[in-house]
Amino acid sequence: AQEDRVNATTGRIRFFPDGSSTGGRVTLGRGAREWHVNVGWLTGAVSVVVTQ
């Protein structure tokens, strides 16, 4: 949602008391490796995917 967008390069993921969230992905990188931290909007479940 637009209100979760701080600026063109920064956003946020909010978690709610009912377990849901706004959902989204945070990507972290170092060299050729990347970590994708995925957050599901319905359950707030978090998963991490590592790529090389």
C-alpha atoms as a PDB file:
ATOM      1  CA  ALA A   1       0.000   0.000   0.000  1.00  0.00           C
ATOM      2  CA  GLN A   2       1.124   3.529  -0.669  1.00  0.00           C
ATOM      3  CA  GLU A   3       1.176   4.469   3.032  1.00  0.00           C
ATOM      4  CA  ASP A   4       3.820   1.763   3.601  1.00  0.00           C
ATOM      5  CA  ARG A   5       6.125   3.356   1.053  1.00  0.00           C
ATOM      6  CA  VAL A   6       8.425   5.791   2.827  1.00  0.00           C
ATOM      7  CA  ASN A   7      10.071   6.989  -0.398  1.00  0.00           C
ATOM      8  CA  ALA A   8      11.117   5.610  -3.799  1.00  0.00           C
ATOM      9  CA  THR A   9      13.659   3.199  -2.288  1.00  0.00           C
ATOM     10  CA  THR A  10      12.362   2.541   1.235  1.00  0.00           C
ATOM     11  CA  GLY A  11       9.234   0.724   2.333  1.00  0.00           C
ATOM     12  CA  ARG A  12       8.012  -1.131   5.385  1.00  0.00           C
ATOM     13  CA  ILE A  13       6.177  -4.305   6.288  1.00  0.00           C
ATOM     14  CA  ARG A  14       3.651  -4.063   9.107  1.00  0.00           C
ATOM     15  CA  PHE A  15       2.434  -6.969  11.238  1.00  0.00           C
ATOM     16  CA  PHE A  16      -1.037  -6.902  12.822  1.00  0.00           C
ATOM     17  CA  PRO A  17      -2.470  -8.518  15.999  1.00  0.00           C
ATOM     18  CA  ASP A  18      -4.605 -10.958  13.961  1.00  0.00           C
ATOM     19  CA  GLY A  19      -1.421 -12.462  12.457  1.00  0.00           C
ATOM     20  CA  SER A  20      -1.732 -10.818   9.056  1.00  0.00           C
ATOM     21  CA  SER A  21       0.684  -8.300   7.591  1.00  0.00           C
ATOM     22  CA  THR A  22       1.034  -5.934   4.685  1.00  0.00           C
ATOM     23  CA  GLY A  23       3.308  -8.549   3.082  1.00  0.00           C
ATOM     24  CA  GLY A  24       6.345  -7.927   0.966  1.00  0.00           C
ATOM     25  CA  ARG A  25       9.935  -8.855   0.282  1.00  0.00           C
ATOM     26  CA  VAL A  26      13.218  -7.591   1.654  1.00  0.00           C
ATOM     27  CA  THR A  27      16.268  -8.427  -0.461  1.00  0.00           C
ATOM     28  CA  LEU A  28      19.723  -8.430   1.090  1.00  0.00           C
ATOM     29  CA  GLY A  29      22.830  -8.900  -1.006  1.00  0.00           C
ATOM     30  CA  ARG A  30      26.514  -9.441  -0.574  1.00  0.00           C
ATOM     31  CA  GLY A  31      28.642 -10.045  -3.629  1.00  0.00           C
ATOM     32  CA  ALA A  32      26.850 -12.548  -5.861  1.00  0.00           C
ATOM     33  CA  ARG A  33      24.663 -13.880  -3.021  1.00  0.00           C
ATOM     34  CA  GLU A  34      21.179 -12.642  -2.240  1.00  0.00           C
ATOM     35  CA  TRP A  35      18.753 -13.403   0.554  1.00  0.00           C
ATOM     36  CA  HIS A  36      15.067 -12.810  -0.122  1.00  0.00           C
ATOM     37  CA  VAL A  37      13.030 -12.463   3.062  1.00  0.00           C
ATOM     38  CA  ASN A  38       9.419 -12.982   1.989  1.00  0.00           C
ATOM     39  CA  VAL A  39       6.452 -12.081   4.200  1.00  0.00           C
ATOM     40  CA  GLY A  40       2.997 -13.432   3.354  1.00  0.00           C
ATOM     41  CA  TRP A  41       0.182 -10.916   3.735  1.00  0.00           C
ATOM     42  CA  LEU A  42      -2.499 -13.366   4.907  1.00  0.00           C
ATOM     43  CA  THR A  43      -0.659 -15.175   7.691  1.00  0.00           C
ATOM     44  CA  GLY A  44       2.439 -13.028   8.188  1.00  0.00           C
ATOM     45  CA  ALA A  45       4.534 -16.140   7.566  1.00  0.00           C
ATOM     46  CA  VAL A  46       8.197 -15.388   6.874  1.00  0.00           C
ATOM     47  CA  SER A  47      10.420 -17.433   4.560  1.00  0.00           C
ATOM     48  CA  VAL A  48      13.992 -16.911   3.425  1.00  0.00           C
ATOM     49  CA  VAL A  49      15.288 -17.882  -0.009  1.00  0.00           C
ATOM     50  CA  VAL A  50      19.049 -17.831  -0.653  1.00  0.00           C
ATOM     51  CA  THR A  51      20.362 -17.409  -4.198  1.00  0.00           C
ATOM     52  CA  GLN A  52      23.931 -17.578  -5.429  1.00  0.00           C
END
